């Protein structure tokens, strides 16, 4: 409270009897002579109010509360039903995910096995090709070696024939030259 209001309050208390507010001029409900009639009407009023509440308002409230309880119970039952359905759906979903994971794992394993088989087949084919190429190369090298050996032998024989033709009067046979070389 502010200081101003405190002063106004004190002044009004002090000046109360002097302004003209006396015991006879107070509130009528505070007059002791009217208490019995006030109590009578109070009992009558609250009695009527009690009967009105007992007969009209309370049954309506009771019906409303019962309807709400029934609705709440129905909603709870429906919620439980939906919850169980949701749990069932979730369980089915998890089972499907697990089965899909297993199937995916099996597919991956089968793909790995097929890939390994394909790689093995390709390696075998490549090894076979390489071995064939090596054998063909060896055969060609051997053939070239033999051809080169024969060419060298023929070149030696021709060289010997040319040299011997310059120094000797008779010509030598290829067979004789071969016998002498070897």
C-alpha atoms as a PDB file:
ATOM      1  CA  UNK A   1       0.000   0.000   0.000  1.00  0.00           C
ATOM      2  CA  UNK A   2       1.186   3.436  -0.764  1.00  0.00           C
ATOM      3  CA  UNK A   3       1.562   6.096   1.809  1.00  0.00           C
ATOM      4  CA  UNK A   4      -1.408   8.081   0.458  1.00  0.00           C
ATOM      5  CA  UNK A   5      -3.828   5.172   0.849  1.00  0.00           C
ATOM      6  CA  UNK A   6      -2.591   4.492   4.355  1.00  0.00           C
ATOM      7  CA  UNK A   7      -3.423   8.083   5.348  1.00  0.00           C
ATOM      8  CA  UNK A   8      -6.871   7.889   3.722  1.00  0.00           C
ATOM      9  CA  UNK A   9      -7.617   4.648   5.598  1.00  0.00           C
ATOM     10  CA  UNK A  10      -6.587   6.085   8.990  1.00  0.00           C
ATOM     11  CA  UNK A  11      -8.556   9.288   8.453  1.00  0.00           C
ATOM     12  CA  UNK A  12     -11.710   7.377   7.481  1.00  0.00           C
ATOM     13  CA  UNK A  13     -11.500   5.197  10.611  1.00  0.00           C
ATOM     14  CA  UNK A  14     -11.092   8.235  12.823  1.00  0.00           C
ATOM     15  CA  UNK A  15     -13.867  10.237  11.147  1.00  0.00           C
ATOM     16  CA  UNK A  16     -16.336   7.317  10.832  1.00  0.00           C
ATOM     17  CA  UNK A  17     -18.501   8.112  13.838  1.00  0.00           C
ATOM     18  CA  UNK A  18     -18.408  11.878  13.201  1.00  0.00           C
ATOM     19  CA  UNK A  19     -19.619  11.663   9.592  1.00  0.00           C
ATOM     20  CA  UNK A  20     -22.896  10.112  10.636  1.00  0.00           C
ATOM     21  CA  UNK A  21     -22.495   6.367  10.315  1.00  0.00           C
ATOM     22  CA  UNK A  22     -23.800   5.067  13.606  1.00  0.00           C
ATOM     23  CA  UNK A  23     -25.099   1.742  14.849  1.00  0.00           C
ATOM     24  CA  UNK A  24     -28.616   2.226  13.504  1.00  0.00           C
ATOM     25  CA  UNK A  25     -27.494   3.154  10.066  1.00  0.00           C
ATOM     26  CA  UNK A  26     -25.424  -0.082   9.472  1.00  0.00           C
ATOM     27  CA  UNK A  27     -26.191  -3.044   7.283  1.00  0.00           C
ATOM     28  CA  UNK A  28     -29.662  -4.622   7.863  1.00  0.00           C
ATOM     29  CA  UNK A  29     -28.387  -8.207   7.661  1.00  0.00           C
ATOM     30  CA  UNK A  30     -26.145  -7.453  10.636  1.00  0.00           C
ATOM     31  CA  UNK A  31     -29.099  -6.404  12.771  1.00  0.00           C
ATOM     32  CA  UNK A  32     -29.618  -9.107  15.376  1.00  0.00           C
ATOM     33  CA  UNK A  33     -33.369  -8.647  15.475  1.00  0.00           C
ATOM     34  CA  UNK A  34     -33.710  -9.966  11.878  1.00  0.00           C
ATOM     35  CA  UNK A  35     -31.592 -13.129  12.391  1.00  0.00           C
ATOM     36  CA  UNK A  36     -34.509 -15.580  12.902  1.00  0.00           C
ATOM     37  CA  UNK A  37     -36.249 -14.572   9.678  1.00  0.00           C
ATOM     38  CA  UNK A  38     -32.928 -14.648   7.812  1.00  0.00           C
ATOM     39  CA  UNK A  39     -32.245 -18.158   9.124  1.00  0.00           C
ATOM     40  CA  UNK A  40     -35.743 -19.285   8.095  1.00  0.00           C
ATOM     41  CA  UNK A  41     -35.330 -18.036   4.537  1.00  0.00           C
ATOM     42  CA  UNK A  42     -31.818 -19.409   4.423  1.00  0.00           C
ATOM     43  CA  UNK A  43     -33.096 -22.903   5.299  1.00  0.00           C
ATOM     44  CA  UNK A  44     -35.985 -22.600   2.801  1.00  0.00           C
ATOM     45  CA  UNK A  45     -33.669 -21.376   0.021  1.00  0.00           C
ATOM     46  CA  UNK A  46     -31.017 -24.015   0.587  1.00  0.00           C
ATOM     47  CA  UNK A  47     -33.687 -26.707   0.945  1.00  0.00           C
ATOM     48  CA  UNK A  48     -35.218 -25.752  -2.435  1.00  0.00           C
ATOM     49  CA  UNK A  49     -31.739 -25.565  -3.958  1.00  0.00           C
ATOM     50  CA  UNK A  50     -30.910 -28.989  -2.472  1.00  0.00           C
ATOM     51  CA  UNK A  51     -34.135 -30.524  -3.862  1.00  0.00           C
ATOM     52  CA  UNK A  52     -33.490 -28.951  -7.267  1.00  0.00           C
ATOM     53  CA  UNK A  53     -29.918 -30.281  -7.314  1.00  0.00           C
ATOM     54  CA  UNK A  54     -31.009 -33.717  -6.015  1.00  0.00           C
ATOM     55  CA  UNK A  55     -33.855 -34.123  -8.530  1.00  0.00           C
ATOM     56  CA  UNK A  56     -32.556 -32.316 -11.613  1.00  0.00           C
ATOM     57  CA  UNK A  57     -28.914 -31.330 -11.751  1.00  0.00           C
ATOM     58  CA  UNK A  58     -27.247 -34.308 -10.032  1.00  0.00           C
ATOM     59  CA  UNK A  59     -29.006 -36.975 -12.195  1.00  0.00           C
ATOM     60  CA  UNK A  60     -28.025 -35.061 -15.334  1.00  0.00           C
ATOM     61  CA  UNK A  61     -24.456 -34.791 -14.061  1.00  0.00           C
ATOM     62  CA  UNK A  62     -24.492 -38.494 -13.122  1.00  0.00           C
ATOM     63  CA  UNK A  63     -25.765 -39.423 -16.617  1.00  0.00           C
ATOM     64  CA  UNK A  64     -23.135 -37.196 -18.206  1.00  0.00           C
ATOM     65  CA  UNK A  65     -20.403 -38.720 -16.035  1.00  0.00           C
ATOM     66  CA  UNK A  66     -21.611 -42.260 -16.827  1.00  0.00           C
ATOM     67  CA  UNK A  67     -21.738 -41.458 -20.538  1.00  0.00           C
ATOM     68  CA  UNK A  68     -18.227 -40.050 -20.326  1.00  0.00           C
ATOM     69  CA  UNK A  69     -17.023 -43.126 -18.448  1.00  0.00           C
ATOM     70  CA  UNK A  70     -18.648 -45.383 -21.048  1.00  0.00           C
ATOM     71  CA  UNK A  71     -17.088 -43.331 -23.842  1.00  0.00           C
ATOM     72  CA  UNK A  72     -13.718 -43.396 -22.110  1.00  0.00           C
ATOM     73  CA  UNK A  73     -13.971 -47.172 -21.637  1.00  0.00           C
ATOM     74  CA  UNK A  74     -14.924 -47.593 -25.296  1.00  0.00           C
ATOM     75  CA  UNK A  75     -12.047 -45.361 -26.315  1.00  0.00           C
ATOM     76  CA  UNK A  76      -9.658 -47.293 -24.072  1.00  0.00           C
ATOM     77  CA  UNK A  77     -10.885 -50.608 -25.488  1.00  0.00           C
ATOM     78  CA  UNK A  78     -10.556 -49.289 -29.021  1.00  0.00           C
ATOM     79  CA  UNK A  79      -7.104 -47.919 -28.228  1.00  0.00           C
ATOM     80  CA  UNK A  80      -6.051 -51.296 -26.819  1.00  0.00           C
ATOM     81  CA  UNK A  81      -7.440 -53.016 -29.894  1.00  0.00           C
ATOM     82  CA  UNK A  82      -5.564 -50.601 -32.154  1.00  0.00           C
ATOM     83  CA  UNK A  83      -2.456 -51.056 -30.050  1.00  0.00           C
ATOM     84  CA  UNK A  84      -2.647 -54.835 -30.395  1.00  0.00           C
ATOM     85  CA  UNK A  85      -3.238 -54.477 -34.146  1.00  0.00           C
ATOM     86  CA  UNK A  86      -0.284 -52.101 -34.381  1.00  0.00           C
ATOM     87  CA  UNK A  87       1.892 -54.528 -32.416  1.00  0.00           C
ATOM     88  CA  UNK A  88       0.789 -57.365 -34.705  1.00  0.00           C
ATOM     89  CA  UNK A  89       1.526 -55.250 -37.760  1.00  0.00           C
ATOM     90  CA  UNK A  90       4.902 -54.298 -36.317  1.00  0.00           C
ATOM     91  CA  UNK A  91       5.695 -57.950 -35.587  1.00  0.00           C
ATOM     92  CA  UNK A  92       4.700 -58.920 -39.144  1.00  0.00           C
ATOM     93  CA  UNK A  93       6.784 -56.049 -40.501  1.00  0.00           C
ATOM     94  CA  UNK A  94       9.807 -57.150 -38.478  1.00  0.00           C
ATOM     95  CA  UNK A  95       9.317 -60.750 -39.638  1.00  0.00           C
ATOM     96  CA  UNK A  96       9.149 -59.564 -43.252  1.00  0.00           C
ATOM     97  CA  UNK A  97      12.295 -57.505 -42.768  1.00  0.00           C
ATOM     98  CA  UNK A  98      14.081 -60.503 -41.267  1.00  0.00           C
ATOM     99  CA  UNK A  99      12.950 -62.794 -44.055  1.00  0.00           C
ATOM    100  CA  UNK A 100      13.918 -60.186 -46.651  1.00  0.00           C
ATOM    101  CA  UNK A 101      17.326 -59.855 -44.985  1.00  0.00           C
ATOM    102  CA  UNK A 102      17.756 -63.626 -45.057  1.00  0.00           C
ATOM    103  CA  UNK A 103      16.695 -63.764 -48.696  1.00  0.00           C
ATOM    104  CA  UNK A 104      19.048 -60.909 -49.540  1.00  0.00           C
ATOM    105  CA  UNK A 105      21.867 -62.725 -47.733  1.00  0.00           C
ATOM    106  CA  UNK A 106      21.094 -65.917 -49.636  1.00  0.00           C
ATOM    107  CA  UNK A 107      20.967 -64.043 -52.938  1.00  0.00           C
ATOM    108  CA  UNK A 108      24.294 -62.379 -52.155  1.00  0.00           C
ATOM    109  CA  UNK A 109      25.838 -65.725 -51.211  1.00  0.00           C
ATOM    110  CA  UNK A 110      24.516 -67.327 -54.387  1.00  0.00           C
ATOM    111  CA  UNK A 111      25.831 -64.391 -56.425  1.00  0.00           C
ATOM    112  CA  UNK A 112      29.239 -64.773 -54.750  1.00  0.00           C
ATOM    113  CA  UNK A 113      29.237 -68.493 -55.476  1.00  0.00           C
ATOM    114  CA  UNK A 114      28.267 -67.892 -59.106  1.00  0.00           C
ATOM    115  CA  UNK A 115      30.867 -65.141 -59.423  1.00  0.00           C
ATOM    116  CA  UNK A 116      33.535 -67.449 -57.954  1.00  0.00           C
ATOM    117  CA  UNK A 117      32.490 -70.198 -60.358  1.00  0.00           C
ATOM    118  CA  UNK A 118      32.599 -67.780 -63.294  1.00  0.00           C
ATOM    119  CA  UNK A 119      36.010 -66.520 -62.193  1.00  0.00           C
ATOM    120  CA  UNK A 120      37.260 -70.112 -61.865  1.00  0.00           C
ATOM    121  CA  UNK A 121      35.891 -70.966 -65.320  1.00  0.00           C
ATOM    122  CA  UNK A 122      37.483 -67.875 -66.817  1.00  0.00           C
ATOM    123  CA  UNK A 123      40.791 -68.694 -65.082  1.00  0.00           C
ATOM    124  CA  UNK A 124      40.633 -72.249 -66.377  1.00  0.00           C
ATOM    125  CA  UNK A 125      39.902 -71.032 -69.895  1.00  0.00           C
ATOM    126  CA  UNK A 126      42.700 -68.481 -69.693  1.00  0.00           C
ATOM    127  CA  UNK A 127      45.086 -71.079 -68.292  1.00  0.00           C
ATOM    128  CA  UNK A 128      44.118 -73.444 -71.097  1.00  0.00           C
ATOM    129  CA  UNK A 129      44.615 -70.683 -73.671  1.00  0.00           C
ATOM    130  CA  UNK A 130      47.946 -69.753 -72.133  1.00  0.00           C
ATOM    131  CA  UNK A 131      49.113 -73.358 -72.103  1.00  0.00           C
ATOM    132  CA  UNK A 132      48.012 -73.726 -75.737  1.00  0.00           C
ATOM    133  CA  UNK A 133      49.758 -70.487 -76.664  1.00  0.00           C
ATOM    134  CA  UNK A 134      52.877 -71.625 -74.812  1.00  0.00           C
ATOM    135  CA  UNK A 135      52.880 -74.993 -76.529  1.00  0.00           C
ATOM    136  CA  UNK A 136      52.292 -73.326 -79.906  1.00  0.00           C
ATOM    137  CA  UNK A 137      55.061 -70.835 -79.158  1.00  0.00           C
ATOM    138  CA  UNK A 138      57.403 -73.648 -78.123  1.00  0.00           C
ATOM    139  CA  UNK A 139      56.544 -75.543 -81.300  1.00  0.00           C
ATOM    140  CA  UNK A 140      57.182 -72.440 -83.401  1.00  0.00           C
ATOM    141  CA  UNK A 141      60.434 -71.746 -81.579  1.00  0.00           C
ATOM    142  CA  UNK A 142      61.549 -75.331 -82.055  1.00  0.00           C
ATOM    143  CA  UNK A 143      60.557 -75.187 -85.720  1.00  0.00           C
ATOM    144  CA  UNK A 144      62.357 -71.873 -86.174  1.00  0.00           C
ATOM    145  CA  UNK A 145      65.350 -73.285 -84.328  1.00  0.00           C
ATOM    146  CA  UNK A 146      65.376 -76.287 -86.630  1.00  0.00           C
ATOM    147  CA  UNK A 147      64.869 -74.082 -89.673  1.00  0.00           C
ATOM    148  CA  UNK A 148      67.602 -71.735 -88.503  1.00  0.00           C
ATOM    149  CA  UNK A 149      69.896 -74.701 -87.812  1.00  0.00           C
ATOM    150  CA  UNK A 150      69.213 -76.048 -91.280  1.00  0.00           C
ATOM    151  CA  UNK A 151      69.767 -72.627 -92.841  1.00  0.00           C
ATOM    152  CA  UNK A 152      73.038 -72.234 -90.928  1.00  0.00           C
ATOM    153  CA  UNK A 153      74.050 -75.749 -91.960  1.00  0.00           C
ATOM    154  CA  UNK A 154      73.196 -74.972 -95.603  1.00  0.00           C
ATOM    155  CA  UNK A 155      75.026 -71.643 -95.386  1.00  0.00           C
ATOM    156  CA  UNK A 156      78.082 -73.434 -93.930  1.00  0.00           C
ATOM    157  CA  UNK A 157      77.952 -76.010 -96.685  1.00  0.00           C
ATOM    158  CA  UNK A 158      77.605 -73.314 -99.356  1.00  0.00           C
ATOM    159  CA  UNK A 159      80.463 -71.357 -97.802  1.00  0.00           C
ATOM    160  CA  UNK A 160      82.644 -74.436 -97.678  1.00  0.00           C
ATOM    161  CA  UNK A 161      81.745 -75.235-101.299  1.00  0.00           C
ATOM    162  CA  UNK A 162      82.671 -71.759-102.412  1.00  0.00           C
ATOM    163  CA  UNK A 163      85.925 -71.791-100.470  1.00  0.00           C
ATOM    164  CA  UNK A 164      86.801 -75.301-101.595  1.00  0.00           C
ATOM    165  CA  UNK A 165      85.953 -74.397-105.189  1.00  0.00           C
ATOM    166  CA  UNK A 166      88.576 -71.670-105.101  1.00  0.00           C
ATOM    167  CA  UNK A 167      91.234 -73.858-103.590  1.00  0.00           C
ATOM    168  CA  UNK A 168      90.350 -77.298-104.895  1.00  0.00           C
ATOM    169  CA  UNK A 169      89.778 -78.440-108.387  1.00  0.00           C
ATOM    170  CA  UNK A 170      87.140 -80.997-107.674  1.00  0.00           C
ATOM    171  CA  UNK A 171      83.833 -80.101-106.072  1.00  0.00           C
ATOM    172  CA  UNK A 172      82.701 -81.715-102.877  1.00  0.00           C
ATOM    173  CA  UNK A 173      79.368 -83.375-102.209  1.00  0.00           C
ATOM    174  CA  UNK A 174      76.980 -81.997 -99.566  1.00  0.00           C
ATOM    175  CA  UNK A 175      77.056 -85.380 -97.849  1.00  0.00           C
ATOM    176  CA  UNK A 176      80.833 -85.431 -97.647  1.00  0.00           C
ATOM    177  CA  UNK A 177      80.909 -81.928 -96.221  1.00  0.00           C
ATOM    178  CA  UNK A 178      78.316 -82.875 -93.589  1.00  0.00           C
ATOM    179  CA  UNK A 179      80.300 -85.927 -92.544  1.00  0.00           C
ATOM    180  CA  UNK A 180      83.414 -83.815 -92.111  1.00  0.00           C
ATOM    181  CA  UNK A 181      81.679 -81.056 -90.179  1.00  0.00           C
ATOM    182  CA  UNK A 182      79.993 -83.345 -87.707  1.00  0.00           C
END
